[in-house]
Amino acid sequence: MNSAIKLLAVAAALGAASGASAQSQGEWLAKVGVNRISPDVTSGDVTAPSKPGVKAEVGSDTKPIFSVGYMFTDHIGTELMLGAPYKHTLYGAGTIQGTGKLGTAEALPPTIFAQYRFCEPNAIVRPYAGIGYTYAYFRKETGSAQLTAILNTGGAPVTYSLDSKSAGSVVLGATAKLSERFYADLNVVKTKLKTRAHFSTGQTLDIKLDPLAVSLSVGYRF
């Protein structure tokens, strides 16, 4: 996170430099790259009859990312970010810290942003900021033997599902001109997201995920 912020600060300092026209009114922008999502988890407790303090932690994942955008003016545009499903691992936390993997789940979080791009269209480096809407769709939730041992000792395997949710996101990024049409893009996205896990035992778990995503991409304007 600190390294990404430093790079964006450098981009902002370079933003006044000029070059060939780029990212101006009426242009479409497309980019591909890699994106790492790291949840910043605040977990509630699994509801009764679980013992107190049974919480969860969620691991990070890195996947390809694709986006397409359009510039309505030289400074205002929109961008839709898509990607491959992220596979996150759930771990024991709280009073079950160190018990290992509780399960896995895939997440698809398409996000659409309204953005403002600083500096003029001919700047070599253009910082930008935006706000957006994310829909976090969860699928393929799979519980582990350890989850069964904790919630239903000696019983049938425990399954679970996660509620898909809408959330708000903010983005801070910068682009750097590579050639007449190609550019590099670095951005950081923070999303405020909470969901609820429903276990086959009838118990639930409320959890704030609040992920931070950092992506590095190569783009093309047309």
Protein backbone atom coordinates (compact mmCIF):
# COMPACT_ATOMS: atom_id res chain seq x y z
CA MET A 1 0.00 0.00 0.00
CA ASN A 2 2.75 2.50 0.98
CA SER A 3 4.70 1.77 -2.22
CA ALA A 4 1.60 2.32 -4.35
CA ILE A 5 0.87 5.67 -2.66
CA LYS A 6 4.48 6.78 -3.21
CA LEU A 7 4.26 5.91 -6.91
CA LEU A 8 1.00 7.85 -7.23
CA ALA A 9 2.60 10.84 -5.49
CA VAL A 10 5.45 10.77 -8.01
CA ALA A 11 2.88 10.60 -10.82
CA ALA A 12 1.11 13.67 -9.46
CA ALA A 13 4.41 15.57 -9.35
CA LEU A 14 5.12 14.67 -12.99
CA GLY A 15 1.59 15.42 -14.16
CA ALA A 16 2.42 18.81 -15.64
CA ALA A 17 4.81 17.31 -18.21
CA SER A 18 3.46 17.45 -21.76
CA GLY A 19 3.47 15.14 -24.76
CA ALA A 20 1.16 13.96 -27.52
CA SER A 21 -2.58 14.32 -26.98
CA ALA A 22 -4.06 11.47 -24.90
CA GLN A 23 -7.24 10.60 -23.00
CA SER A 24 -9.27 13.47 -24.41
CA GLN A 25 -12.99 14.01 -25.02
CA GLY A 26 -14.67 11.31 -27.09
CA GLU A 27 -11.93 8.69 -26.67
CA TRP A 28 -12.41 5.10 -25.52
CA LEU A 29 -9.85 3.57 -23.18
CA ALA A 30 -9.18 -0.14 -22.69
CA LYS A 31 -6.59 -1.78 -20.45
CA VAL A 32 -5.48 -5.19 -19.18
CA GLY A 33 -3.27 -6.01 -16.23
CA VAL A 34 -3.04 -7.69 -12.85
CA ASN A 35 -4.96 -6.82 -9.70
CA ARG A 36 -4.37 -7.88 -6.09
CA ILE A 37 -7.30 -7.76 -3.67
CA SER A 38 -6.46 -7.75 0.04
CA PRO A 39 -9.44 -7.80 2.43
CA ASP A 40 -9.16 -5.67 5.58
CA VAL A 41 -11.34 -7.91 7.73
CA THR A 42 -13.38 -7.05 10.80
CA SER A 43 -15.20 -10.22 11.82
CA GLY A 44 -18.15 -10.68 14.10
CA ASP A 45 -18.72 -13.91 16.04
CA VAL A 46 -20.44 -17.00 14.69
CA THR A 47 -23.90 -17.02 16.28
CA ALA A 48 -25.03 -19.54 18.93
CA PRO A 49 -24.73 -22.41 19.57
CA SER A 50 -21.08 -21.76 18.67
CA LYS A 51 -18.68 -21.06 21.50
CA PRO A 52 -17.86 -17.33 21.99
CA GLY A 53 -15.26 -15.59 19.87
CA VAL A 54 -15.35 -17.82 16.78
CA LYS A 55 -14.31 -15.43 13.98
CA ALA A 56 -12.89 -15.58 10.47
CA GLU A 57 -10.04 -14.04 8.50
CA VAL A 58 -9.91 -13.82 4.68
CA GLY A 59 -6.83 -14.18 2.49
CA SER A 60 -5.74 -12.14 -0.53
CA ASP A 61 -5.71 -13.12 -4.20
CA THR A 62 -4.22 -11.81 -7.45
CA LYS A 63 -5.92 -12.15 -10.83
CA PRO A 64 -5.98 -10.57 -14.31
CA ILE A 65 -8.08 -7.43 -14.69
CA PHE A 66 -9.72 -5.79 -17.69
CA SER A 67 -11.41 -2.43 -17.98
CA VAL A 68 -13.03 -0.19 -20.57
CA GLY A 69 -13.64 3.52 -20.21
CA TYR A 70 -14.95 6.56 -22.07
CA MET A 71 -14.00 10.23 -21.80
CA PHE A 72 -17.05 12.51 -21.80
CA THR A 73 -14.82 15.60 -21.58
CA ASP A 74 -11.07 16.12 -21.42
CA HIS A 75 -11.26 15.59 -17.65
CA ILE A 76 -14.42 13.60 -16.83
CA GLY A 77 -14.87 9.97 -17.77
CA THR A 78 -16.24 6.64 -16.72
CA GLU A 79 -14.59 3.23 -16.35
CA LEU A 80 -15.93 -0.29 -15.90
CA MET A 81 -13.50 -2.66 -14.17
CA LEU A 82 -13.91 -6.41 -14.66
CA GLY A 83 -11.76 -9.45 -14.01
CA ALA A 84 -11.45 -13.16 -13.46
CA PRO A 85 -13.05 -14.60 -10.30
CA TYR A 86 -10.91 -14.08 -7.20
CA LYS A 87 -10.51 -17.13 -4.98
CA HIS A 88 -10.27 -16.24 -1.30
CA THR A 89 -9.44 -18.57 1.56
CA LEU A 90 -11.23 -18.25 4.91
CA TYR A 91 -9.15 -18.93 8.03
CA GLY A 92 -10.02 -19.33 11.68
CA ALA A 93 -9.62 -16.23 13.87
CA GLY A 94 -10.53 -15.12 17.38
CA THR A 95 -10.77 -18.09 19.74
CA ILE A 96 -10.02 -20.47 16.83
CA GLN A 97 -6.94 -18.57 15.63
CA GLY A 98 -4.43 -20.99 14.13
CA THR A 99 -6.94 -23.74 13.31
CA GLY A 100 -6.24 -23.33 9.58
CA LYS A 101 -8.47 -23.15 6.52
CA LEU A 102 -12.22 -23.02 7.09
CA GLY A 103 -13.15 -22.87 3.42
CA THR A 104 -12.84 -21.04 0.14
CA ALA A 105 -15.08 -18.77 -1.93
CA GLU A 106 -14.91 -17.06 -5.29
CA ALA A 107 -15.74 -13.37 -5.67
CA LEU A 108 -16.65 -11.40 -8.80
CA PRO A 109 -16.64 -7.64 -8.01
CA PRO A 110 -17.43 -5.64 -11.18
CA THR A 111 -17.11 -1.92 -10.48
CA ILE A 112 -18.12 1.14 -12.47
CA PHE A 113 -16.46 4.48 -11.71
CA ALA A 114 -17.03 8.14 -12.46
CA GLN A 115 -13.55 9.68 -12.67
CA TYR A 116 -11.85 13.04 -12.86
CA ARG A 117 -8.47 13.19 -14.63
CA PHE A 118 -6.15 15.98 -13.57
CA CYS A 119 -3.77 17.96 -15.82
CA GLU A 120 -4.36 18.55 -19.51
CA PRO A 121 -4.96 15.82 -22.13
CA ASN A 122 -1.41 16.25 -23.48
CA ALA A 123 0.24 15.58 -20.10
CA ILE A 124 2.60 12.62 -20.11
CA VAL A 125 1.41 11.60 -16.64
CA ARG A 126 -2.21 12.14 -15.54
CA PRO A 127 -3.33 11.42 -11.98
CA TYR A 128 -7.02 10.66 -11.51
CA ALA A 129 -9.57 10.05 -8.77
CA GLY A 130 -13.09 8.68 -8.77
CA ILE A 131 -16.01 7.18 -6.94
CA GLY A 132 -17.85 4.05 -7.97
CA TYR A 133 -20.40 1.32 -7.42
CA THR A 134 -19.33 -2.27 -6.81
CA TYR A 135 -21.47 -5.40 -6.86
CA ALA A 136 -19.69 -8.21 -5.03
CA TYR A 137 -21.03 -11.53 -6.27
CA PHE A 138 -19.95 -14.60 -4.27
CA ARG A 139 -20.05 -18.15 -5.59
CA LYS A 140 -18.57 -21.64 -5.16
CA GLU A 141 -18.39 -21.39 -1.38
CA THR A 142 -16.79 -24.59 -0.07
CA GLY A 143 -16.38 -25.55 3.57
CA SER A 144 -13.45 -27.59 4.91
CA ALA A 145 -13.27 -30.53 7.30
CA GLN A 146 -11.97 -28.07 9.88
CA LEU A 147 -15.13 -25.99 9.56
CA THR A 148 -17.21 -29.11 10.21
CA ALA A 149 -15.09 -30.01 13.22
CA ILE A 150 -15.71 -26.56 14.73
CA LEU A 151 -19.41 -26.09 13.98
CA ASN A 152 -20.78 -29.63 13.75
CA THR A 153 -18.36 -31.99 15.48
CA GLY A 154 -19.01 -35.58 14.42
CA GLY A 155 -21.90 -34.53 12.19
CA ALA A 156 -22.56 -33.96 8.50
CA PRO A 157 -20.14 -31.76 6.53
CA VAL A 158 -20.88 -28.06 7.01
CA THR A 159 -21.60 -25.95 3.94
CA TYR A 160 -22.04 -22.20 3.76
CA SER A 161 -23.01 -19.31 1.48
CA LEU A 162 -22.14 -15.62 1.38
CA ASP A 163 -24.64 -12.85 0.63
CA SER A 164 -23.80 -10.93 -2.54
CA LYS A 165 -23.78 -7.19 -1.79
CA SER A 166 -23.60 -3.72 -3.29
CA ALA A 167 -20.86 -1.42 -2.04
CA GLY A 168 -19.24 1.96 -2.59
CA SER A 169 -15.68 2.31 -3.87
CA VAL A 170 -13.11 5.06 -4.36
CA VAL A 171 -10.14 5.00 -6.73
CA LEU A 172 -6.86 6.92 -6.86
CA GLY A 173 -4.60 6.33 -9.84
CA ALA A 174 -2.35 7.68 -12.55
CA THR A 175 -1.58 6.95 -16.20
CA ALA A 176 1.77 7.40 -17.95
CA LYS A 177 2.17 7.73 -21.72
CA LEU A 178 4.19 4.90 -23.31
CA SER A 179 3.60 5.74 -26.98
CA GLU A 180 1.09 7.54 -29.19
CA ARG A 181 -1.66 5.09 -28.25
CA PHE A 182 -0.40 2.97 -25.34
CA TYR A 183 -0.14 3.96 -21.68
CA ALA A 184 0.63 2.43 -18.28
CA ASP A 185 -1.89 2.64 -15.45
CA LEU A 186 -1.47 2.21 -11.69
CA ASN A 187 -4.43 2.51 -9.33
CA VAL A 188 -5.56 1.78 -5.81
CA VAL A 189 -9.22 1.01 -5.07
CA LYS A 190 -10.78 0.92 -1.60
CA THR A 191 -14.23 -0.65 -1.18
CA LYS A 192 -16.47 -0.58 1.90
CA LEU A 193 -18.08 -4.00 1.87
CA LYS A 194 -19.78 -6.16 4.45
CA THR A 195 -21.58 -9.45 4.04
CA ARG A 196 -23.07 -12.36 6.01
CA ALA A 197 -22.13 -16.02 5.93
CA HIS A 198 -24.94 -18.56 6.35
CA PHE A 199 -23.91 -22.01 7.56
CA SER A 200 -25.84 -25.21 7.01
CA THR A 201 -25.97 -25.59 10.82
CA GLY A 202 -28.26 -22.53 10.96
CA GLN A 203 -25.58 -20.22 12.34
CA THR A 204 -24.48 -16.96 10.71
CA LEU A 205 -21.41 -14.72 10.72
CA ASP A 206 -21.40 -10.99 9.92
CA ILE A 207 -18.10 -9.85 8.44
CA LYS A 208 -16.68 -6.60 7.06
CA LEU A 209 -14.31 -7.27 4.17
CA ASP A 210 -13.42 -3.66 3.17
CA PRO A 211 -10.90 -4.81 0.51
CA LEU A 212 -7.99 -2.80 -0.84
CA ALA A 213 -7.12 -3.51 -4.49
CA VAL A 214 -3.91 -2.49 -6.25
CA SER A 215 -3.60 -2.95 -10.01
CA LEU A 216 -0.97 -2.36 -12.67
CA SER A 217 -2.11 -2.36 -16.29
CA VAL A 218 -1.26 -1.44 -19.86
CA GLY A 219 -3.90 0.54 -21.74
CA TYR A 220 -4.79 1.55 -25.29
CA ARG A 221 -6.79 4.61 -26.35
CA PHE A 222 -8.90 4.72 -29.49
